[in-house]
Amino acid sequence: MIGAATTFIALLLTAEFGSETVDVRDRGAVDLASYECRDTPRSTIIQRACYDRAQASMIVSVRGTHFQYCDLPPATFDGLMAAPSMGQFFKRNFEGGADGKQHDCGARRATSDGR
């Protein structure tokens, strides 16, 4: 029993941990190594939000689908995280509002570096 536990602990300590990759709608696989990710248990619509401050890029998991937004100011991400209703904030600023189209990464696909 002790030998098995020791082996298990050794495997955990020596295992290589790769960065997480998510499949973003209309973009494909995106590596989250440079993103700060936060789970959002208080929201029923948004499960997780990730933000890369250096690239001003946000990835949001909405009902299990990942969406990416580019050229997004940190204040907008911070506003989402602090909003009383994250779902309403998201719907107002991204799904139905001009900001969502303004920060849509899809239009930049051909000219961007993938972020």
PDB file of N, CA and C in Angstrom:
ATOM      1  N   MET A   1       0.819  -1.194   0.000  1.00  0.00           N
ATOM      2  CA  MET A   1       0.000   0.000   0.000  1.00  0.00           C
ATOM      3  C   MET A   1       0.863   1.256   0.000  1.00  0.00           C
ATOM      4  N   ILE A   2       1.885   1.282   0.846  1.00  0.00           N
ATOM      5  CA  ILE A   2       2.766   2.449   0.909  1.00  0.00           C
ATOM      6  C   ILE A   2       3.550   2.576  -0.388  1.00  0.00           C
ATOM      7  N   GLY A   3       3.958   1.442  -0.944  1.00  0.00           N
ATOM      8  CA  GLY A   3       4.695   1.467  -2.206  1.00  0.00           C
ATOM      9  C   GLY A   3       3.850   2.043  -3.336  1.00  0.00           C
ATOM     10  N   ALA A   4       2.581   1.679  -3.391  1.00  0.00           N
ATOM     11  CA  ALA A   4       1.688   2.198  -4.432  1.00  0.00           C
ATOM     12  C   ALA A   4       1.469   3.698  -4.255  1.00  0.00           C
ATOM     13  N   ALA A   5       1.301   4.127  -3.008  1.00  0.00           N
ATOM     14  CA  ALA A   5       1.112   5.558  -2.744  1.00  0.00           C
ATOM     15  C   ALA A   5       2.367   6.340  -3.100  1.00  0.00           C
ATOM     16  N   THR A   6       3.517   5.802  -2.785  1.00  0.00           N
ATOM     17  CA  THR A   6       4.787   6.467  -3.110  1.00  0.00           C
ATOM     18  C   THR A   6       4.954   6.580  -4.619  1.00  0.00           C
ATOM     19  N   THR A   7       4.621   5.533  -5.332  1.00  0.00           N
ATOM     20  CA  THR A   7       4.720   5.548  -6.792  1.00  0.00           C
ATOM     21  C   THR A   7       3.768   6.584  -7.383  1.00  0.00           C
ATOM     22  N   PHE A   8       2.545   6.643  -6.862  1.00  0.00           N
ATOM     23  CA  PHE A   8       1.556   7.608  -7.341  1.00  0.00           C
ATOM     24  C   PHE A   8       2.045   9.042  -7.117  1.00  0.00           C
ATOM     25  N   ILE A   9       2.558   9.321  -5.949  1.00  0.00           N
ATOM     26  CA  ILE A   9       3.077  10.667  -5.635  1.00  0.00           C
ATOM     27  C   ILE A   9       4.251  11.005  -6.538  1.00  0.00           C
ATOM     28  N   ALA A  10       5.125  10.052  -6.767  1.00  0.00           N
ATOM     29  CA  ALA A  10       6.268  10.284  -7.658  1.00  0.00           C
ATOM     30  C   ALA A  10       5.804  10.598  -9.072  1.00  0.00           C
ATOM     31  N   LEU A  11       4.782   9.889  -9.538  1.00  0.00           N
ATOM     32  CA  LEU A  11       4.246  10.167 -10.868  1.00  0.00           C
ATOM     33  C   LEU A  11       3.653  11.569 -10.949  1.00  0.00           C
ATOM     34  N   LEU A  12       2.939  11.979  -9.918  1.00  0.00           N
ATOM     35  CA  LEU A  12       2.369  13.328  -9.901  1.00  0.00           C
ATOM     36  C   LEU A  12       3.448  14.398  -9.924  1.00  0.00           C
ATOM     37  N   LEU A  13       4.512  14.164  -9.183  1.00  0.00           N
ATOM     38  CA  LEU A  13       5.582  15.162  -9.093  1.00  0.00           C
ATOM     39  C   LEU A  13       6.428  15.246 -10.352  1.00  0.00           C
ATOM     40  N   THR A  14       6.487  14.175 -11.104  1.00  0.00           N
ATOM     41  CA  THR A  14       7.327  14.170 -12.303  1.00  0.00           C
ATOM     42  C   THR A  14       6.534  14.332 -13.593  1.00  0.00           C
ATOM     43  N   ALA A  15       5.221  14.355 -13.499  1.00  0.00           N
ATOM     44  CA  ALA A  15       4.387  14.483 -14.697  1.00  0.00           C
ATOM     45  C   ALA A  15       4.549  15.868 -15.310  1.00  0.00           C
ATOM     46  N   GLU A  16       4.585  15.899 -16.627  1.00  0.00           N
ATOM     47  CA  GLU A  16       4.651  17.176 -17.329  1.00  0.00           C
ATOM     48  C   GLU A  16       3.243  17.733 -17.460  1.00  0.00           C
ATOM     49  N   PHE A  17       3.099  18.972 -17.083  1.00  0.00           N
ATOM     50  CA  PHE A  17       1.802  19.619 -17.196  1.00  0.00           C
ATOM     51  C   PHE A  17       1.840  20.559 -18.385  1.00  0.00           C
ATOM     52  N   GLY A  18       1.026  20.273 -19.374  1.00  0.00           N
ATOM     53  CA  GLY A  18       0.946  21.136 -20.535  1.00  0.00           C
ATOM     54  C   GLY A  18      -0.096  22.208 -20.307  1.00  0.00           C
ATOM     55  N   SER A  19      -0.043  23.228 -21.111  1.00  0.00           N
ATOM     56  CA  SER A  19      -1.046  24.272 -20.975  1.00  0.00           C
ATOM     57  C   SER A  19      -2.368  23.771 -21.547  1.00  0.00           C
ATOM     58  N   GLU A  20      -3.415  24.406 -21.112  1.00  0.00           N
ATOM     59  CA  GLU A  20      -4.756  24.024 -21.551  1.00  0.00           C
ATOM     60  C   GLU A  20      -5.062  24.655 -22.904  1.00  0.00           C
ATOM     61  N   THR A  21      -5.741  23.912 -23.736  1.00  0.00           N
ATOM     62  CA  THR A  21      -6.188  24.402 -25.036  1.00  0.00           C
ATOM     63  C   THR A  21      -7.693  24.230 -25.112  1.00  0.00           C
ATOM     64  N   VAL A  22      -8.373  25.246 -25.634  1.00  0.00           N
ATOM     65  CA  VAL A  22      -9.824  25.157 -25.810  1.00  0.00           C
ATOM     66  C   VAL A  22     -10.159  25.358 -27.282  1.00  0.00           C
ATOM     67  N   ASP A  23     -11.278  24.792 -27.694  1.00  0.00           N
ATOM     68  CA  ASP A  23     -11.751  24.935 -29.066  1.00  0.00           C
ATOM     69  C   ASP A  23     -12.698  26.131 -29.113  1.00  0.00           C
ATOM     70  N   VAL A  24     -12.254  27.195 -29.766  1.00  0.00           N
ATOM     71  CA  VAL A  24     -13.019  28.432 -29.836  1.00  0.00           C
ATOM     72  C   VAL A  24     -13.843  28.436 -31.122  1.00  0.00           C
ATOM     73  N   ARG A  25     -15.113  28.779 -30.974  1.00  0.00           N
ATOM     74  CA  ARG A  25     -16.021  28.812 -32.124  1.00  0.00           C
ATOM     75  C   ARG A  25     -15.468  29.728 -33.218  1.00  0.00           C
ATOM     76  N   ASP A  26     -15.466  29.253 -34.427  1.00  0.00           N
ATOM     77  CA  ASP A  26     -15.009  29.979 -35.619  1.00  0.00           C
ATOM     78  C   ASP A  26     -13.522  30.308 -35.607  1.00  0.00           C
ATOM     79  N   ARG A  27     -12.756  29.762 -34.648  1.00  0.00           N
ATOM     80  CA  ARG A  27     -11.325  30.066 -34.574  1.00  0.00           C
ATOM     81  C   ARG A  27     -10.466  28.817 -34.483  1.00  0.00           C
ATOM     82  N   GLY A  28     -10.993  27.760 -33.871  1.00  0.00           N
ATOM     83  CA  GLY A  28     -10.212  26.547 -33.668  1.00  0.00           C
ATOM     84  C   GLY A  28      -9.553  26.532 -32.299  1.00  0.00           C
ATOM     85  N   ALA A  29      -8.483  25.769 -32.179  1.00  0.00           N
ATOM     86  CA  ALA A  29      -7.807  25.579 -30.898  1.00  0.00           C
ATOM     87  C   ALA A  29      -7.025  26.834 -30.499  1.00  0.00           C
ATOM     88  N   VAL A  30      -7.190  27.229 -29.243  1.00  0.00           N
ATOM     89  CA  VAL A  30      -6.459  28.369 -28.690  1.00  0.00           C
ATOM     90  C   VAL A  30      -5.814  27.915 -27.388  1.00  0.00           C
ATOM     91  N   ASP A  31      -4.507  28.155 -27.268  1.00  0.00           N
ATOM     92  CA  ASP A  31      -3.746  27.807 -26.075  1.00  0.00           C
ATOM     93  C   ASP A  31      -3.992  28.878 -25.014  1.00  0.00           C
ATOM     94  N   LEU A  32      -4.353  28.463 -23.815  1.00  0.00           N
ATOM     95  CA  LEU A  32      -4.656  29.403 -22.736  1.00  0.00           C
ATOM     96  C   LEU A  32      -3.460  29.711 -21.843  1.00  0.00           C
ATOM     97  N   ALA A  33      -2.261  29.347 -22.263  1.00  0.00           N
ATOM     98  CA  ALA A  33      -1.079  29.548 -21.421  1.00  0.00           C
ATOM     99  C   ALA A  33      -0.887  31.003 -20.991  1.00  0.00           C
ATOM    100  N   SER A  34      -1.213  31.948 -21.848  1.00  0.00           N
ATOM    101  CA  SER A  34      -0.991  33.358 -21.520  1.00  0.00           C
ATOM    102  C   SER A  34      -2.228  34.029 -20.918  1.00  0.00           C
ATOM    103  N   TYR A  35      -3.295  33.273 -20.742  1.00  0.00           N
ATOM    104  CA  TYR A  35      -4.557  33.818 -20.238  1.00  0.00           C
ATOM    105  C   TYR A  35      -4.692  33.620 -18.736  1.00  0.00           C
ATOM    106  N   GLU A  36      -5.315  34.579 -18.090  1.00  0.00           N
ATOM    107  CA  GLU A  36      -5.755  34.439 -16.706  1.00  0.00           C
ATOM    108  C   GLU A  36      -7.206  33.979 -16.780  1.00  0.00           C
ATOM    109  N   CYS A  37      -7.494  32.798 -16.258  1.00  0.00           N
ATOM    110  CA  CYS A  37      -8.845  32.247 -16.342  1.00  0.00           C
ATOM    111  C   CYS A  37      -9.510  32.226 -14.970  1.00  0.00           C
ATOM    112  N   ARG A  38     -10.800  32.516 -14.993  1.00  0.00           N
ATOM    113  CA  ARG A  38     -11.591  32.491 -13.763  1.00  0.00           C
ATOM    114  C   ARG A  38     -12.877  31.713 -14.020  1.00  0.00           C
ATOM    115  N   ASP A  39     -13.148  30.752 -13.144  1.00  0.00           N
ATOM    116  CA  ASP A  39     -14.441  30.081 -13.182  1.00  0.00           C
ATOM    117  C   ASP A  39     -15.476  31.057 -12.638  1.00  0.00           C
ATOM    118  N   THR A  40     -16.694  30.950 -13.122  1.00  0.00           N
ATOM    119  CA  THR A  40     -17.737  31.900 -12.736  1.00  0.00           C
ATOM    120  C   THR A  40     -18.965  31.147 -12.210  1.00  0.00           C
ATOM    121  N   PRO A  41     -18.852  30.576 -11.015  1.00  0.00           N
ATOM    122  CA  PRO A  41     -19.951  29.761 -10.493  1.00  0.00           C
ATOM    123  C   PRO A  41     -21.231  30.543 -10.195  1.00  0.00           C
ATOM    124  N   ARG A  42     -21.143  31.852 -10.088  1.00  0.00           N
ATOM    125  CA  ARG A  42     -22.351  32.630  -9.785  1.00  0.00           C
ATOM    126  C   ARG A  42     -23.175  32.938 -11.033  1.00  0.00           C
ATOM    127  N   SER A  43     -22.672  32.590 -12.204  1.00  0.00           N
ATOM    128  CA  SER A  43     -23.404  32.830 -13.443  1.00  0.00           C
ATOM    129  C   SER A  43     -23.962  31.521 -13.984  1.00  0.00           C
ATOM    130  N   THR A  44     -25.202  31.560 -14.437  1.00  0.00           N
ATOM    131  CA  THR A  44     -25.796  30.371 -15.049  1.00  0.00           C
ATOM    132  C   THR A  44     -25.527  30.315 -16.548  1.00  0.00           C
ATOM    133  N   ILE A  45     -25.061  31.404 -17.116  1.00  0.00           N
ATOM    134  CA  ILE A  45     -24.813  31.466 -18.561  1.00  0.00           C
ATOM    135  C   ILE A  45     -23.323  31.319 -18.876  1.00  0.00           C
ATOM    136  N   ILE A  46     -22.487  32.014 -18.127  1.00  0.00           N
ATOM    137  CA  ILE A  46     -21.045  32.017 -18.372  1.00  0.00           C
ATOM    138  C   ILE A  46     -20.367  31.106 -17.353  1.00  0.00           C
ATOM    139  N   GLN A  47     -19.707  30.067 -17.849  1.00  0.00           N
ATOM    140  CA  GLN A  47     -19.034  29.130 -16.959  1.00  0.00           C
ATOM    141  C   GLN A  47     -17.615  29.571 -16.611  1.00  0.00           C
ATOM    142  N   ARG A  48     -16.976  30.281 -17.554  1.00  0.00           N
ATOM    143  CA  ARG A  48     -15.564  30.637 -17.365  1.00  0.00           C
ATOM    144  C   ARG A  48     -15.222  31.810 -18.259  1.00  0.00           C
ATOM    145  N   ALA A  49     -14.339  32.657 -17.759  1.00  0.00           N
ATOM    146  CA  ALA A  49     -13.853  33.780 -18.559  1.00  0.00           C
ATOM    147  C   ALA A  49     -12.344  33.843 -18.424  1.00  0.00           C
ATOM    148  N   CYS A  50     -11.660  33.998 -19.540  1.00  0.00           N
ATOM    149  CA  CYS A  50     -10.199  34.058 -19.565  1.00  0.00           C
ATOM    150  C   CYS A  50      -9.776  35.334 -20.284  1.00  0.00           C
ATOM    151  N   TYR A  51      -8.733  35.990 -19.761  1.00  0.00           N
ATOM    152  CA  TYR A  51      -8.293  37.242 -20.366  1.00  0.00           C
ATOM    153  C   TYR A  51      -6.774  37.288 -20.446  1.00  0.00           C
ATOM    154  N   ASP A  52      -6.277  37.678 -21.590  1.00  0.00           N
ATOM    155  CA  ASP A  52      -4.847  37.886 -21.821  1.00  0.00           C
ATOM    156  C   ASP A  52      -4.638  39.390 -21.925  1.00  0.00           C
ATOM    157  N   ARG A  53      -4.114  39.996 -20.862  1.00  0.00           N
ATOM    158  CA  ARG A  53      -3.946  41.455 -20.821  1.00  0.00           C
ATOM    159  C   ARG A  53      -2.948  41.953 -21.862  1.00  0.00           C
ATOM    160  N   ALA A  54      -1.897  41.203 -22.118  1.00  0.00           N
ATOM    161  CA  ALA A  54      -0.894  41.636 -23.096  1.00  0.00           C
ATOM    162  C   ALA A  54      -1.473  41.683 -24.510  1.00  0.00           C
ATOM    163  N   GLN A  55      -2.349  40.740 -24.828  1.00  0.00           N
ATOM    164  CA  GLN A  55      -2.946  40.676 -26.162  1.00  0.00           C
ATOM    165  C   GLN A  55      -4.332  41.310 -26.222  1.00  0.00           C
ATOM    166  N   ALA A  56      -4.859  41.722 -25.057  1.00  0.00           N
ATOM    167  CA  ALA A  56      -6.210  42.301 -24.963  1.00  0.00           C
ATOM    168  C   ALA A  56      -7.239  41.370 -25.606  1.00  0.00           C
ATOM    169  N   SER A  57      -7.151  40.094 -25.239  1.00  0.00           N
ATOM    170  CA  SER A  57      -8.007  39.065 -25.805  1.00  0.00           C
ATOM    171  C   SER A  57      -8.754  38.344 -24.687  1.00  0.00           C
ATOM    172  N   MET A  58     -10.049  38.114 -24.895  1.00  0.00           N
ATOM    173  CA  MET A  58     -10.865  37.420 -23.915  1.00  0.00           C
ATOM    174  C   MET A  58     -11.501  36.190 -24.554  1.00  0.00           C
ATOM    175  N   ILE A  59     -11.522  35.096 -23.803  1.00  0.00           N
ATOM    176  CA  ILE A  59     -12.236  33.898 -24.210  1.00  0.00           C
ATOM    177  C   ILE A  59     -13.266  33.618 -23.130  1.00  0.00           C
ATOM    178  N   VAL A  60     -14.510  33.434 -23.553  1.00  0.00           N
ATOM    179  CA  VAL A  60     -15.618  33.213 -22.626  1.00  0.00           C
ATOM    180  C   VAL A  60     -16.295  31.901 -22.996  1.00  0.00           C
ATOM    181  N   SER A  61     -16.562  31.084 -21.981  1.00  0.00           N
ATOM    182  CA  SER A  61     -17.327  29.861 -22.187  1.00  0.00           C
ATOM    183  C   SER A  61     -18.780  30.163 -21.845  1.00  0.00           C
ATOM    184  N   VAL A  62     -19.622  30.170 -22.873  1.00  0.00           N
ATOM    185  CA  VAL A  62     -21.039  30.468 -22.722  1.00  0.00           C
ATOM    186  C   VAL A  62     -21.817  29.191 -23.021  1.00  0.00           C
ATOM    187  N   ARG A  63     -22.399  28.650 -21.983  1.00  0.00           N
ATOM    188  CA  ARG A  63     -23.171  27.399 -22.108  1.00  0.00           C
ATOM    189  C   ARG A  63     -22.374  26.321 -22.843  1.00  0.00           C
ATOM    190  N   GLY A  64     -21.083  26.240 -22.532  1.00  0.00           N
ATOM    191  CA  GLY A  64     -20.235  25.190 -23.077  1.00  0.00           C
ATOM    192  C   GLY A  64     -19.550  25.507 -24.395  1.00  0.00           C
ATOM    193  N   THR A  65     -19.847  26.632 -25.004  1.00  0.00           N
ATOM    194  CA  THR A  65     -19.199  27.032 -26.253  1.00  0.00           C
ATOM    195  C   THR A  65     -18.259  28.188 -25.953  1.00  0.00           C
ATOM    196  N   HIS A  66     -17.036  28.103 -26.476  1.00  0.00           N
ATOM    197  CA  HIS A  66     -16.038  29.157 -26.246  1.00  0.00           C
ATOM    198  C   HIS A  66     -16.084  30.187 -27.374  1.00  0.00           C
ATOM    199  N   PHE A  67     -16.085  31.457 -26.978  1.00  0.00           N
ATOM    200  CA  PHE A  67     -16.047  32.579 -27.915  1.00  0.00           C
ATOM    201  C   PHE A  67     -14.843  33.436 -27.576  1.00  0.00           C
ATOM    202  N   GLN A  68     -14.218  34.008 -28.592  1.00  0.00           N
ATOM    203  CA  GLN A  68     -13.054  34.869 -28.370  1.00  0.00           C
ATOM    204  C   GLN A  68     -13.345  36.284 -28.852  1.00  0.00           C
ATOM    205  N   TYR A  69     -12.879  37.245 -28.080  1.00  0.00           N
ATOM    206  CA  TYR A  69     -13.030  38.663 -28.409  1.00  0.00           C
ATOM    207  C   TYR A  69     -11.655  39.301 -28.364  1.00  0.00           C
ATOM    208  N   CYS A  70     -11.351  40.123 -29.379  1.00  0.00           N
ATOM    209  CA  CYS A  70     -10.034  40.741 -29.522  1.00  0.00           C
ATOM    210  C   CYS A  70     -10.104  42.245 -29.277  1.00  0.00           C
ATOM    211  N   ASP A  71      -8.939  42.832 -29.028  1.00  0.00           N
ATOM    212  CA  ASP A  71      -8.820  44.277 -28.804  1.00  0.00           C
ATOM    213  C   ASP A  71      -9.795  44.739 -27.725  1.00  0.00           C
ATOM    214  N   LEU A  72      -9.885  43.972 -26.662  1.00  0.00           N
ATOM    215  CA  LEU A  72     -10.831  44.232 -25.586  1.00  0.00           C
ATOM    216  C   LEU A  72     -10.105  44.894 -24.412  1.00  0.00           C
ATOM    217  N   PRO A  73     -10.498  46.103 -24.037  1.00  0.00           N
ATOM    218  CA  PRO A  73      -9.827  46.785 -22.930  1.00  0.00           C
ATOM    219  C   PRO A  73      -9.989  46.008 -21.616  1.00  0.00           C
ATOM    220  N   PRO A  74      -8.980  46.065 -20.751  1.00  0.00           N
ATOM    221  CA  PRO A  74      -9.084  45.388 -19.457  1.00  0.00           C
ATOM    222  C   PRO A  74     -10.317  45.818 -18.662  1.00  0.00           C
ATOM    223  N   ALA A  75     -10.729  47.071 -18.792  1.00  0.00           N
ATOM    224  CA  ALA A  75     -11.886  47.569 -18.046  1.00  0.00           C
ATOM    225  C   ALA A  75     -13.158  46.802 -18.426  1.00  0.00           C
ATOM    226  N   THR A  76     -13.264  46.369 -19.671  1.00  0.00           N
ATOM    227  CA  THR A  76     -14.449  45.620 -20.095  1.00  0.00           C
ATOM    228  C   THR A  76     -14.449  44.233 -19.459  1.00  0.00           C
ATOM    229  N   PHE A  77     -13.291  43.587 -19.438  1.00  0.00           N
ATOM    230  CA  PHE A  77     -13.192  42.283 -18.775  1.00  0.00           C
ATOM    231  C   PHE A  77     -13.486  42.433 -17.277  1.00  0.00           C
ATOM    232  N   ASP A  78     -12.883  43.434 -16.656  1.00  0.00           N
ATOM    233  CA  ASP A  78     -13.118  43.671 -15.230  1.00  0.00           C
ATOM    234  C   ASP A  78     -14.590  43.975 -14.960  1.00  0.00           C
ATOM    235  N   GLY A  79     -15.236  44.706 -15.879  1.00  0.00           N
ATOM    236  CA  GLY A  79     -16.664  44.999 -15.752  1.00  0.00           C
ATOM    237  C   GLY A  79     -17.496  43.735 -15.807  1.00  0.00           C
ATOM    238  N   LEU A  80     -17.144  42.828 -16.698  1.00  0.00           N
ATOM    239  CA  LEU A  80     -17.850  41.543 -16.788  1.00  0.00           C
ATOM    240  C   LEU A  80     -17.717  40.773 -15.480  1.00  0.00           C
ATOM    241  N   MET A  81     -16.503  40.709 -14.960  1.00  0.00           N
ATOM    242  CA  MET A  81     -16.266  39.938 -13.754  1.00  0.00           C
ATOM    243  C   MET A  81     -16.960  40.533 -12.529  1.00  0.00           C
ATOM    244  N   ALA A  82     -17.141  41.845 -12.511  1.00  0.00           N
ATOM    245  CA  ALA A  82     -17.748  42.523 -11.360  1.00  0.00           C
ATOM    246  C   ALA A  82     -19.251  42.753 -11.513  1.00  0.00           C
ATOM    247  N   ALA A  83     -19.784  42.480 -12.681  1.00  0.00           N
ATOM    248  CA  ALA A  83     -21.203  42.768 -12.937  1.00  0.00           C
ATOM    249  C   ALA A  83     -22.114  41.974 -12.006  1.00  0.00           C
ATOM    250  N   PRO A  84     -23.183  42.613 -11.512  1.00  0.00           N
ATOM    251  CA  PRO A  84     -24.150  41.884 -10.687  1.00  0.00           C
ATOM    252  C   PRO A  84     -24.742  40.686 -11.429  1.00  0.00           C
ATOM    253  N   SER A  85     -24.964  40.844 -12.738  1.00  0.00           N
ATOM    254  CA  SER A  85     -25.420  39.747 -13.579  1.00  0.00           C
ATOM    255  C   SER A  85     -24.457  39.644 -14.762  1.00  0.00           C
ATOM    256  N   MET A  86     -23.589  38.652 -14.704  1.00  0.00           N
ATOM    257  CA  MET A  86     -22.610  38.479 -15.786  1.00  0.00           C
ATOM    258  C   MET A  86     -23.303  38.177 -17.105  1.00  0.00           C
ATOM    259  N   GLY A  87     -24.379  37.401 -17.047  1.00  0.00           N
ATOM    260  CA  GLY A  87     -25.118  37.066 -18.262  1.00  0.00           C
ATOM    261  C   GLY A  87     -25.720  38.283 -18.923  1.00  0.00           C
ATOM    262  N   GLN A  88     -26.333  39.163 -18.137  1.00  0.00           N
ATOM    263  CA  GLN A  88     -26.911  40.387 -18.692  1.00  0.00           C
ATOM    264  C   GLN A  88     -25.821  41.295 -19.246  1.00  0.00           C
ATOM    265  N   PHE A  89     -24.705  41.414 -18.532  1.00  0.00           N
ATOM    266  CA  PHE A  89     -23.587  42.227 -19.011  1.00  0.00           C
ATOM    267  C   PHE A  89     -23.101  41.687 -20.355  1.00  0.00           C
ATOM    268  N   PHE A  90     -22.933  40.365 -20.432  1.00  0.00           N
ATOM    269  CA  PHE A  90     -22.455  39.748 -21.655  1.00  0.00           C
ATOM    270  C   PHE A  90     -23.434  39.965 -22.800  1.00  0.00           C
ATOM    271  N   LYS A  91     -24.717  39.732 -22.545  1.00  0.00           N
ATOM    272  CA  LYS A  91     -25.722  39.912 -23.595  1.00  0.00           C
ATOM    273  C   LYS A  91     -25.769  41.359 -24.075  1.00  0.00           C
ATOM    274  N   ARG A  92     -25.704  42.286 -23.145  1.00  0.00           N
ATOM    275  CA  ARG A  92     -25.788  43.705 -23.494  1.00  0.00           C
ATOM    276  C   ARG A  92     -24.540  44.179 -24.249  1.00  0.00           C
ATOM    277  N   ASN A  93     -23.375  43.729 -23.846  1.00  0.00           N
ATOM    278  CA  ASN A  93     -22.129  44.242 -24.411  1.00  0.00           C
ATOM    279  C   ASN A  93     -21.535  43.412 -25.544  1.00  0.00           C
ATOM    280  N   PHE A  94     -21.964  42.156 -25.670  1.00  0.00           N
ATOM    281  CA  PHE A  94     -21.348  41.309 -26.693  1.00  0.00           C
ATOM    282  C   PHE A  94     -22.349  40.681 -27.649  1.00  0.00           C
ATOM    283  N   GLU A  95     -23.389  40.077 -27.147  1.00  0.00           N
ATOM    284  CA  GLU A  95     -24.332  39.404 -28.041  1.00  0.00           C
ATOM    285  C   GLU A  95     -25.197  40.386 -28.816  1.00  0.00           C
ATOM    286  N   GLY A  96     -25.728  41.379 -28.121  1.00  0.00           N
ATOM    287  CA  GLY A  96     -26.662  42.280 -28.782  1.00  0.00           C
ATOM    288  C   GLY A  96     -26.095  43.650 -29.079  1.00  0.00           C
ATOM    289  N   GLY A  97     -24.975  43.977 -28.467  1.00  0.00           N
ATOM    290  CA  GLY A  97     -24.448  45.325 -28.605  1.00  0.00           C
ATOM    291  C   GLY A  97     -23.402  45.466 -29.681  1.00  0.00           C
ATOM    292  N   ALA A  98     -23.072  46.698 -29.959  1.00  0.00           N
ATOM    293  CA  ALA A  98     -22.051  47.005 -30.968  1.00  0.00           C
ATOM    294  C   ALA A  98     -20.675  46.537 -30.528  1.00  0.00           C
ATOM    295  N   ASP A  99     -20.423  46.500 -29.202  1.00  0.00           N
ATOM    296  CA  ASP A  99     -19.109  46.074 -28.714  1.00  0.00           C
ATOM    297  C   ASP A  99     -18.767  44.663 -29.149  1.00  0.00           C
ATOM    298  N   GLY A 100     -19.753  43.782 -29.157  1.00  0.00           N
ATOM    299  CA  GLY A 100     -19.510  42.408 -29.565  1.00  0.00           C
ATOM    300  C   GLY A 100     -18.988  42.325 -30.977  1.00  0.00           C
ATOM    301  N   LYS A 101     -19.563  43.102 -31.857  1.00  0.00           N
ATOM    302  CA  LYS A 101     -19.109  43.113 -33.252  1.00  0.00           C
ATOM    303  C   LYS A 101     -17.765  43.839 -33.363  1.00  0.00           C
ATOM    304  N   GLN A 102     -17.592  44.884 -32.581  1.00  0.00           N
ATOM    305  CA  GLN A 102     -16.354  45.651 -32.589  1.00  0.00           C
ATOM    306  C   GLN A 102     -15.178  44.780 -32.152  1.00  0.00           C
ATOM    307  N   HIS A 103     -15.413  43.870 -31.210  1.00  0.00           N
ATOM    308  CA  HIS A 103     -14.337  43.044 -30.666  1.00  0.00           C
ATOM    309  C   HIS A 103     -14.316  41.635 -31.239  1.00  0.00           C
ATOM    310  N   ASP A 104     -15.083  41.396 -32.279  1.00  0.00           N
ATOM    311  CA  ASP A 104     -15.146  40.082 -32.908  1.00  0.00           C
ATOM    312  C   ASP A 104     -13.806  39.758 -33.558  1.00  0.00           C
ATOM    313  N   CYS A 105     -13.217  38.648 -33.170  1.00  0.00           N
ATOM    314  CA  CYS A 105     -11.920  38.242 -33.728  1.00  0.00           C
ATOM    315  C   CYS A 105     -12.055  37.636 -35.119  1.00  0.00           C
ATOM    316  N   GLY A 106     -13.231  37.170 -35.467  1.00  0.00           N
ATOM    317  CA  GLY A 106     -13.433  36.502 -36.750  1.00  0.00           C
ATOM    318  C   GLY A 106     -13.058  37.375 -37.930  1.00  0.00           C
ATOM    319  N   ALA A 107     -13.337  38.661 -37.853  1.00  0.00           N
ATOM    320  CA  ALA A 107     -13.022  39.568 -38.953  1.00  0.00           C
ATOM    321  C   ALA A 107     -11.523  39.755 -39.107  1.00  0.00           C
ATOM    322  N   ARG A 108     -10.778  39.431 -38.049  1.00  0.00           N
ATOM    323  CA  ARG A 108      -9.324  39.632 -38.084  1.00  0.00           C
ATOM    324  C   ARG A 108      -8.560  38.363 -38.441  1.00  0.00           C
ATOM    325  N   ARG A 109      -9.272  37.257 -38.645  1.00  0.00           N
ATOM    326  CA  ARG A 109      -8.631  35.950 -38.810  1.00  0.00           C
ATOM    327  C   ARG A 109      -7.528  35.957 -39.876  1.00  0.00           C
ATOM    328  N   ALA A 110      -7.794  36.546 -41.015  1.00  0.00           N
ATOM    329  CA  ALA A 110      -6.836  36.477 -42.125  1.00  0.00           C
ATOM    330  C   ALA A 110      -5.585  37.323 -41.864  1.00  0.00           C
ATOM    331  N   THR A 111      -5.687  38.325 -41.013  1.00  0.00           N
ATOM    332  CA  THR A 111      -4.549  39.210 -40.823  1.00  0.00           C
ATOM    333  C   THR A 111      -3.897  39.102 -39.462  1.00  0.00           C
ATOM    334  N   SER A 112      -4.499  38.335 -38.545  1.00  0.00           N
ATOM    335  CA  SER A 112      -3.951  38.271 -37.188  1.00  0.00           C
ATOM    336  C   SER A 112      -2.994  37.113 -37.034  1.00  0.00           C
ATOM    337  N   ASP A 113      -2.361  37.071 -35.853  1.00  0.00           N
ATOM    338  CA  ASP A 113      -1.448  35.984 -35.539  1.00  0.00           C
ATOM    339  C   ASP A 113      -2.165  34.855 -34.804  1.00  0.00           C
ATOM    340  N   GLY A 114      -3.500  34.833 -34.852  1.00  0.00           N
ATOM    341  CA  GLY A 114      -4.255  33.777 -34.213  1.00  0.00           C
ATOM    342  C   GLY A 114      -4.809  34.160 -32.864  1.00  0.00           C
ATOM    343  N   ARG A 115      -4.596  35.383 -32.437  1.00  0.00           N
ATOM    344  CA  ARG A 115      -5.123  35.848 -31.146  1.00  0.00           C
ATOM    345  C   ARG A 115      -6.117  36.948 -31.357  1.00  0.00           C
TER     346      ARG A 115
END
